[in-house]
Amino acid sequence: MKIDVVIVGDLYVNCYIISKNKDAIIIDPGSDFEKIKSFIDSNGLKPLAIVNTHGHFDHVGAIEDLKSEYNIPLYMHEGDEFLLKNAVEHASMFGIFGIKSSNIDNYLEDNQLLDFGDIKLKVLHTPGHSPGGVSLYLGEAKVVFTGDTLFKDSVGRTDFPYADFNTLANSIKNKLYVLDDDVTVYPGHGPSSTIGYEKKMNAFVRLG
């Protein structure tokens, strides 16, 4: 199992590529289609699907081009479909252009097991930053991709009309902090961490 990160876009989104035996899953391809494609092709990978942690514009911009290039489906929670549909408009409000919208092919559900052959991901619905936000647990590697729910020493923004801090805190405590302390946290932006570290040190949501 190999996990690589391609940092994309003006907001430095962590686009993760999980691969095993050349099969690959793409998580949160925010933009920079050519950069992501170059990594995939130069490593001889075969993408099977795109799985998004949420629908904010900075995490979705390259989805449509990747779907077309590799004929692969997009998995996302239905709760964030409105964000995906409005990605172009939302991006323009931040002065960011060139983002493309797309369509969800398969809806994610809480506790769903995504089976891509040698790559198996468990879906954890972790709303708060967005209604359809999810985290993706890769049990074989003991890692969790938290999107913009949990960062190293921080958490996702909750100052949007559809966001809520208490909901976010409950998601983190009840879905993420119940994982083993040695599980690596791969967030949507910034450096990695561990569940154990965040439980003790996160200034926003801490246990103990």
Protein backbone atom coordinates (compact mmCIF):
# COMPACT_ATOMS: atom_id res chain seq x y z
CA MET A 1 0.00 0.00 0.00
CA LYS A 2 1.33 3.42 -0.97
CA ILE A 3 -0.06 6.84 -0.07
CA ASP A 4 1.15 9.88 -1.98
CA VAL A 5 0.10 13.50 -1.75
CA VAL A 6 -0.10 15.98 -4.60
CA ILE A 7 -0.61 19.52 -3.28
CA VAL A 8 -2.95 21.41 -5.60
CA GLY A 9 -4.50 24.82 -6.08
CA ASP A 10 -4.26 28.26 -4.57
CA LEU A 11 -5.43 26.93 -1.18
CA TYR A 12 -2.87 24.10 -1.10
CA VAL A 13 -5.25 21.17 -0.92
CA ASN A 14 -3.79 17.75 -0.15
CA CYS A 15 -4.91 15.50 -2.99
CA TYR A 16 -4.13 11.95 -1.87
CA ILE A 17 -3.49 9.03 -4.17
CA ILE A 18 -3.74 5.58 -2.60
CA SER A 19 -2.25 2.83 -4.71
CA LYS A 20 -1.67 -0.90 -4.47
CA ASN A 21 -0.60 -3.19 -7.31
CA LYS A 22 -0.95 -0.13 -9.58
CA ASP A 23 -4.66 0.30 -8.82
CA ALA A 24 -5.33 3.75 -7.41
CA ILE A 25 -7.98 5.81 -5.64
CA ILE A 26 -7.90 9.61 -5.86
CA ILE A 27 -9.06 11.59 -2.81
CA ASP A 28 -9.98 15.29 -3.09
CA PRO A 29 -8.57 16.35 -6.49
CA GLY A 30 -9.05 20.06 -5.85
CA SER A 31 -7.54 21.43 -9.07
CA ASP A 32 -4.39 21.16 -11.20
CA PHE A 33 -5.68 18.32 -13.37
CA GLU A 34 -2.46 18.13 -15.38
CA LYS A 35 -0.34 17.88 -12.24
CA ILE A 36 -2.44 15.00 -10.89
CA LYS A 37 -2.54 13.28 -14.29
CA SER A 38 1.23 13.57 -14.64
CA PHE A 39 1.74 11.86 -11.28
CA ILE A 40 -0.69 9.07 -12.13
CA ASP A 41 0.70 8.42 -15.60
CA SER A 42 4.37 8.69 -14.65
CA ASN A 43 3.82 6.04 -11.97
CA GLY A 44 1.86 3.75 -14.26
CA LEU A 45 -1.22 3.84 -12.04
CA LYS A 46 -4.74 2.78 -12.97
CA PRO A 47 -7.31 5.02 -11.26
CA LEU A 48 -10.47 3.21 -10.16
CA ALA A 49 -12.44 6.02 -8.54
CA ILE A 50 -12.48 9.49 -7.04
CA VAL A 51 -13.64 9.72 -3.42
CA ASN A 52 -14.21 13.16 -1.94
CA THR A 53 -14.30 14.07 1.72
CA HIS A 54 -16.57 17.04 0.98
CA GLY A 55 -17.77 19.36 -1.75
CA HIS A 56 -16.03 22.70 -1.22
CA PHE A 57 -14.71 24.27 -4.40
CA ASP A 58 -11.05 23.93 -3.44
CA HIS A 59 -11.44 20.14 -3.21
CA VAL A 60 -13.41 19.44 -6.40
CA GLY A 61 -11.96 21.42 -9.30
CA ALA A 62 -10.19 18.59 -11.14
CA ILE A 63 -12.91 15.97 -10.70
CA GLU A 64 -14.63 16.44 -14.04
CA ASP A 65 -11.42 16.26 -16.07
CA LEU A 66 -10.24 13.17 -14.18
CA LYS A 67 -13.60 11.45 -14.65
CA SER A 68 -13.40 12.10 -18.36
CA GLU A 69 -9.74 11.15 -18.73
CA TYR A 70 -9.94 7.83 -16.90
CA ASN A 71 -13.67 7.03 -17.16
CA ILE A 72 -14.03 6.69 -13.39
CA PRO A 73 -16.88 7.50 -10.98
CA LEU A 74 -17.09 10.09 -8.22
CA TYR A 75 -18.12 9.08 -4.70
CA MET A 76 -19.36 11.85 -2.37
CA HIS A 77 -21.97 12.27 0.36
CA GLU A 78 -25.33 13.55 -0.86
CA GLY A 79 -25.31 16.24 1.81
CA ASP A 80 -22.61 18.14 -0.07
CA GLU A 81 -24.16 17.88 -3.52
CA PHE A 82 -25.26 21.52 -3.36
CA LEU A 83 -21.66 22.61 -2.74
CA LEU A 84 -20.41 20.62 -5.72
CA LYS A 85 -23.11 22.12 -7.93
CA ASN A 86 -22.19 25.66 -6.84
CA ALA A 87 -18.40 25.18 -6.86
CA VAL A 88 -17.78 27.54 -9.80
CA GLU A 89 -19.79 30.35 -8.21
CA HIS A 90 -18.21 29.85 -4.78
CA ALA A 91 -14.69 29.82 -6.24
CA SER A 92 -15.28 33.07 -8.12
CA MET A 93 -16.23 34.76 -4.84
CA PHE A 94 -12.66 34.06 -3.70
CA GLY A 95 -11.20 35.28 -7.00
CA ILE A 96 -10.43 31.74 -8.13
CA PHE A 97 -11.33 30.71 -11.66
CA GLY A 98 -10.91 27.60 -13.78
CA ILE A 99 -12.82 25.39 -11.34
CA LYS A 100 -15.24 22.90 -12.91
CA SER A 101 -18.33 21.44 -11.35
CA SER A 102 -19.32 17.79 -11.71
CA ASN A 103 -21.91 15.19 -10.76
CA ILE A 104 -21.89 12.57 -8.01
CA ASP A 105 -22.07 9.05 -9.40
CA ASN A 106 -22.32 7.19 -6.08
CA TYR A 107 -23.49 8.58 -2.74
CA LEU A 108 -21.47 7.83 0.37
CA GLU A 109 -23.16 6.69 3.57
CA ASP A 110 -21.96 6.45 7.16
CA ASN A 111 -20.14 3.19 7.96
CA GLN A 112 -20.18 2.19 4.30
CA LEU A 113 -17.31 -0.04 3.18
CA LEU A 114 -15.86 0.94 -0.17
CA ASP A 115 -14.25 -2.11 -1.72
CA PHE A 116 -11.88 -1.34 -4.57
CA GLY A 117 -10.21 -4.72 -4.68
CA ASP A 118 -6.99 -4.36 -2.70
CA ILE A 119 -8.02 -0.93 -1.41
CA LYS A 120 -10.81 -0.83 1.16
CA LEU A 121 -12.05 2.37 2.77
CA LYS A 122 -14.58 2.79 5.57
CA VAL A 123 -16.75 5.90 5.34
CA LEU A 124 -17.21 7.90 8.54
CA HIS A 125 -19.82 10.66 8.22
CA THR A 126 -18.22 13.62 10.00
CA PRO A 127 -20.45 16.67 9.41
CA GLY A 128 -19.88 20.09 10.93
CA HIS A 129 -17.57 21.77 8.45
CA SER A 130 -20.09 20.80 5.79
CA PRO A 131 -23.31 18.74 5.98
CA GLY A 132 -21.92 15.88 3.89
CA GLY A 133 -18.38 15.88 5.17
CA VAL A 134 -16.86 12.45 5.59
CA SER A 135 -13.60 10.96 6.78
CA LEU A 136 -12.15 7.87 5.11
CA TYR A 137 -10.53 5.17 7.23
CA LEU A 138 -7.97 2.94 5.57
CA GLY A 139 -7.71 0.16 8.12
CA GLU A 140 -4.90 -1.79 6.47
CA ALA A 141 -2.55 1.18 6.75
CA LYS A 142 -4.06 2.61 9.98
CA VAL A 143 -4.66 6.02 8.45
CA VAL A 144 -7.70 8.27 8.23
CA PHE A 145 -8.26 10.98 5.64
CA THR A 146 -10.14 13.70 7.50
CA GLY A 147 -10.69 16.32 4.80
CA ASP A 148 -11.39 19.66 6.48
CA THR A 149 -12.87 18.11 9.62
CA LEU A 150 -9.65 17.70 11.61
CA PHE A 151 -6.23 19.25 11.03
CA LYS A 152 -2.99 19.10 12.97
CA ASP A 153 -3.67 21.36 15.98
CA SER A 154 -6.87 22.67 14.42
CA VAL A 155 -10.31 21.93 13.00
CA GLY A 156 -12.33 22.96 9.97
CA ARG A 157 -14.11 26.29 9.72
CA THR A 158 -17.67 26.44 11.01
CA ASP A 159 -18.53 30.05 10.15
CA PHE A 160 -20.56 29.08 7.08
CA PRO A 161 -24.40 29.21 7.18
CA TYR A 162 -24.59 25.41 6.83
CA ALA A 163 -21.76 24.64 9.29
CA ASP A 164 -21.87 24.15 13.05
CA PHE A 165 -19.07 23.84 15.60
CA ASN A 166 -20.94 21.57 18.03
CA THR A 167 -21.75 19.19 15.20
CA LEU A 168 -18.10 19.23 14.14
CA ALA A 169 -16.87 18.60 17.69
CA ASN A 170 -19.26 15.67 18.07
CA SER A 171 -18.05 14.21 14.78
CA ILE A 172 -14.44 14.44 15.90
CA LYS A 173 -15.07 12.99 19.36
CA ASN A 174 -17.45 10.21 18.32
CA LYS A 175 -16.08 9.19 14.93
CA LEU A 176 -12.38 10.07 14.94
CA TYR A 177 -11.15 10.08 18.53
CA VAL A 178 -12.51 6.56 18.98
CA LEU A 179 -9.88 5.32 16.53
CA ASP A 180 -6.57 4.00 17.89
CA ASP A 181 -4.09 6.62 19.05
CA ASP A 182 -1.50 5.48 16.50
CA VAL A 183 -3.79 6.06 13.52
CA THR A 184 -2.23 8.66 11.22
CA VAL A 185 -4.39 11.67 10.35
CA TYR A 186 -4.09 12.90 6.75
CA PRO A 187 -6.00 16.21 6.58
CA GLY A 188 -7.24 18.21 3.62
CA HIS A 189 -4.61 20.90 4.17
CA GLY A 190 -1.31 21.01 6.01
CA PRO A 191 0.82 18.36 7.73
CA SER A 192 -0.22 14.97 9.02
CA SER A 193 -0.78 14.11 12.68
CA THR A 194 -2.04 11.22 14.78
CA ILE A 195 -5.30 10.60 16.62
CA GLY A 196 -3.42 10.33 19.91
CA TYR A 197 -1.71 13.68 19.44
CA GLU A 198 -4.92 15.50 18.54
CA LYS A 199 -6.84 14.02 21.48
CA LYS A 200 -4.27 15.53 23.84
CA MET A 201 -3.11 18.67 22.05
CA ASN A 202 -5.83 19.99 19.72
CA ALA A 203 -6.83 23.40 21.05
CA PHE A 204 -10.36 23.20 19.66
CA VAL A 205 -11.47 19.63 20.41
CA ARG A 206 -9.49 17.90 23.13
CA LEU A 207 -10.10 14.87 25.33
CA GLY A 208 -8.83 14.87 28.86
